[in-house]
């Protein structure tokens, strides 16, 4: 027989409570700690079924048959919680051992107090849940930031900022670029005949056609100024053929706008755009104040492109001599009369690019 007193002392020193069960799973003996941990009012649980005291064992594979070479399974239930009389939640690991020979019982139940471990696991799970929620919120905010960034900044500029190839700080570098402007003709006079609530929607439709054409050839949308669009080619990413790209974009703008116009009722063909392009050196980078940046190109090239655009009739593309010098002969151009522009001492050579327009259906 096992020395029961020694065995009980050993369990008590290990801070483990116990109970002995008969073959019908009724308690035939237990220590005081077992009753205290199970939060019962009386010290004795004798005669009670173990499922009434520890329902966590219900449904487990509990067998007392020790015959044969295979021992019955040991049943383990972890992190069982109980509310103590003081209102504190405690955590226990339960072990049920069949056929405890020498103890005069069919089963032995051991209970180990793992409250500290249980609280740690609870805190860990809570931290994991909070971290998961934080990751979800960060993901949502990143998606929102990405949406805002790519809709308020040119997509290629946004990507360069995210990758770090373009720094979010004031200043720029001297680069050779091609600047394209697309500007609506007689915009002010036209919108006076249109209900105010429709002007923004209609104008946005036209601007979307222009932006798609610019994006098709890798241009960077610099800004919208009412009915005016400015784009930079060879901005922060190297485009050796930037003049060709700009002219191709200009031609595509007029062709796409013409096709778009033919799809609308004649009474709604309100906006017509002219396109002007110049090529040369400009300071490209972030301009503005310390709390508000605009990615742009500053210099005579930008100014001349804007001046040319102001003079271009609807559905035409005009370019400067600087732009023409970098073309490869793909485009048919017509020299126009040299034109005086504000800020220029001499007349500027201007050329009209032949824009093949699709036939009207």
Foldseek 3Di string as FASTA:
>chain_A
DDPVVVVVVVCVVQQKWKFFAAPQQFTQDTAQSLCQQLQDDDSDRGGDHVCVSPVVCPPPQDDQDCPDPDGGDKDKDFFDWDQGPVRDIWTWIKIKHADPPPPPGGIMIMIHTPRVVSVVVVVVVVVVVVVVVVVVVVVVVVVVVLVVLVVVFPVVVSVCPVVVVADPDDFFDKDKKKKKKKAWPPVVVLCVVPPPVCPVVLLVVLVVLLVVLLVVLPWTWQDDDPRMTMTIFCASDHDVLRLVSRVSSQLSSLQSLVVVLLVDPVVPSRIFIEMFMEIGIWTFGWDDDGVDTGTDTDDPRNVVRVQVRVPGDGSWYKYFPRSVVSDDPPWDKAWDPFDDTPPDPDGTTMIITDRDHDDRD
